[in-house]
Amino acid sequence: AIAFVTYAAVVSLSYFFVMKPIWARRDAVAAKKTALQDYRILSTSRDVLAGLREGLMQGDQRMTVVAELQSAAREAGLDVIGEAAHLPDKNITENMVEYPVELRLRGTYHQVGDYLSDITIVVAAVAWERS
């Protein structure tokens, strides 16, 4: 019985003086690891967002897109009236910016439908080239 009580006392003391501090250090290291992983993810995300902002459409690229839109309008049989107007940029989300353009066209219902079909392809091609 004395051996059993001694054994139980040693096991209890070893838990408090050996195992509990080891587990506390393990938990602290796990928390630090999680914090470092979160920091790395945030840092990488910040770099990616900075790259996206730098890759936003500049003046020359906007003119190229407008020229493509006007060319597609002429191919669809529409008359382009005047010059395209660049409207102010609109931030839709932190990752997306809208570059509105006002383009005046004249034509039939079917010509407008053909044009809308064509510009969907042009916009998809521009987005694909940028990726």
Protein backbone atom coordinates (compact mmCIF):
# COMPACT_ATOMS: atom_id res chain seq x y z
CA ALA A 1 0.00 0.00 0.00
CA ILE A 2 2.89 2.35 0.79
CA ALA A 3 4.39 1.61 -2.61
CA PHE A 4 1.09 2.40 -4.33
CA VAL A 5 0.72 5.70 -2.43
CA THR A 6 4.35 6.58 -3.22
CA TYR A 7 3.80 5.72 -6.89
CA ALA A 8 0.63 7.88 -7.03
CA ALA A 9 2.46 10.78 -5.36
CA VAL A 10 5.39 10.56 -7.79
CA VAL A 11 3.05 10.44 -10.80
CA SER A 12 1.06 13.43 -9.52
CA LEU A 13 4.19 15.45 -8.78
CA SER A 14 5.69 14.57 -12.17
CA TYR A 15 2.51 15.80 -13.84
CA PHE A 16 2.71 19.19 -12.07
CA PHE A 17 6.49 19.67 -12.31
CA VAL A 18 7.34 17.96 -15.62
CA MET A 19 4.37 17.38 -17.91
CA LYS A 20 2.35 20.53 -17.24
CA PRO A 21 5.27 22.93 -18.05
CA ILE A 22 6.10 20.93 -21.19
CA TRP A 23 2.49 21.10 -22.38
CA ALA A 24 2.35 24.84 -21.60
CA ARG A 25 5.49 25.43 -23.72
CA ARG A 26 4.01 23.26 -26.50
CA ASP A 27 0.83 25.36 -26.48
CA ALA A 28 2.88 28.59 -26.56
CA VAL A 29 4.91 27.32 -29.54
CA ALA A 30 1.70 26.27 -31.34
CA ALA A 31 0.19 29.73 -30.76
CA LYS A 32 3.37 31.40 -32.05
CA LYS A 33 3.35 29.13 -35.11
CA THR A 34 -0.27 30.10 -35.86
CA ALA A 35 0.56 33.80 -35.48
CA LEU A 36 3.54 33.46 -37.85
CA GLN A 37 1.43 31.62 -40.41
CA ASP A 38 -1.24 34.35 -40.22
CA TYR A 39 1.43 37.02 -40.66
CA ARG A 40 2.87 35.22 -43.68
CA ILE A 41 -0.56 34.94 -45.29
CA LEU A 42 -1.27 38.63 -44.68
CA SER A 43 2.14 39.63 -46.01
CA THR A 44 1.69 37.53 -49.16
CA SER A 45 -1.81 38.90 -49.67
CA ARG A 46 -0.54 42.46 -49.33
CA ASP A 47 2.13 41.79 -51.99
CA VAL A 48 -0.43 40.25 -54.34
CA LEU A 49 -2.80 43.20 -53.90
CA ALA A 50 0.04 45.64 -54.53
CA GLY A 51 0.80 43.78 -57.76
CA LEU A 52 -2.83 43.96 -58.79
CA ARG A 53 -2.97 47.69 -58.15
CA GLU A 54 0.23 48.22 -60.16
CA GLY A 55 -1.27 46.16 -62.97
CA LEU A 56 -4.35 48.34 -63.28
CA MET A 57 -5.05 49.74 -66.69
CA GLN A 58 -2.97 52.79 -67.59
CA GLY A 59 -3.77 55.52 -70.15
CA ASP A 60 -2.29 53.78 -73.21
CA GLN A 61 -3.97 50.50 -72.37
CA ARG A 62 -7.30 52.27 -71.94
CA MET A 63 -6.90 53.84 -75.38
CA THR A 64 -6.18 50.41 -76.86
CA VAL A 65 -9.34 48.98 -75.30
CA VAL A 66 -11.39 51.94 -76.59
CA ALA A 67 -9.91 51.45 -80.08
CA GLU A 68 -10.90 47.77 -79.91
CA LEU A 69 -14.43 48.72 -78.84
CA GLN A 70 -14.73 51.19 -81.72
CA SER A 71 -13.33 48.67 -84.19
CA ALA A 72 -15.83 46.05 -83.01
CA ALA A 73 -18.64 48.61 -83.44
CA ARG A 74 -17.62 49.29 -87.03
CA GLU A 75 -17.36 45.56 -87.75
CA ALA A 76 -20.90 45.12 -86.42
CA GLY A 77 -22.08 47.80 -88.87
CA LEU A 78 -22.62 50.51 -86.28
CA ASP A 79 -21.69 54.15 -86.76
CA VAL A 80 -19.44 55.55 -84.05
CA ILE A 81 -20.62 59.07 -83.22
CA GLY A 82 -17.87 61.35 -81.93
CA GLU A 83 -15.03 60.28 -79.68
CA ALA A 84 -15.26 57.94 -76.72
CA ALA A 85 -15.29 59.66 -73.34
CA HIS A 86 -13.33 58.25 -70.42
CA LEU A 87 -15.44 58.52 -67.30
CA PRO A 88 -13.87 58.57 -63.82
CA ASP A 89 -12.63 55.23 -62.50
CA LYS A 90 -14.82 53.49 -59.95
CA ASN A 91 -13.42 51.23 -57.23
CA ILE A 92 -15.87 48.33 -57.07
CA THR A 93 -13.90 46.31 -54.54
CA GLU A 94 -10.38 46.47 -53.22
CA ASN A 95 -9.30 44.10 -56.01
CA MET A 96 -11.42 45.42 -58.86
CA VAL A 97 -11.63 48.78 -60.59
CA GLU A 98 -14.21 49.71 -63.23
CA TYR A 99 -13.03 51.83 -66.15
CA PRO A 100 -16.23 53.24 -67.63
CA VAL A 101 -16.22 54.52 -71.20
CA GLU A 102 -19.03 56.39 -72.92
CA LEU A 103 -19.34 55.40 -76.56
CA ARG A 104 -22.14 56.74 -78.76
CA LEU A 105 -23.28 54.40 -81.53
CA ARG A 106 -26.01 54.35 -84.15
CA GLY A 107 -27.42 51.21 -85.76
CA THR A 108 -30.19 48.62 -85.82
CA TYR A 109 -31.26 46.35 -83.01
CA HIS A 110 -29.45 43.36 -84.55
CA GLN A 111 -26.29 45.35 -85.15
CA VAL A 112 -26.25 46.35 -81.48
CA GLY A 113 -26.76 42.69 -80.51
CA ASP A 114 -23.83 41.63 -82.71
CA TYR A 115 -21.72 44.38 -81.19
CA LEU A 116 -22.51 43.34 -77.62
CA SER A 117 -21.60 39.77 -78.51
CA ASP A 118 -18.30 40.96 -80.03
CA ILE A 119 -17.29 43.16 -77.11
CA THR A 120 -17.93 40.34 -74.66
CA ILE A 121 -15.26 38.41 -76.53
CA VAL A 122 -12.92 41.44 -76.59
CA VAL A 123 -13.30 42.05 -72.85
CA ALA A 124 -12.69 38.37 -72.12
CA ALA A 125 -9.57 38.43 -74.34
CA VAL A 126 -8.21 41.53 -72.58
CA ALA A 127 -8.83 39.96 -69.18
CA TRP A 128 -7.16 36.73 -70.32
CA GLU A 129 -4.08 38.57 -71.70
CA ARG A 130 -3.66 40.36 -68.36
CA SER A 131 -3.74 37.14 -66.31
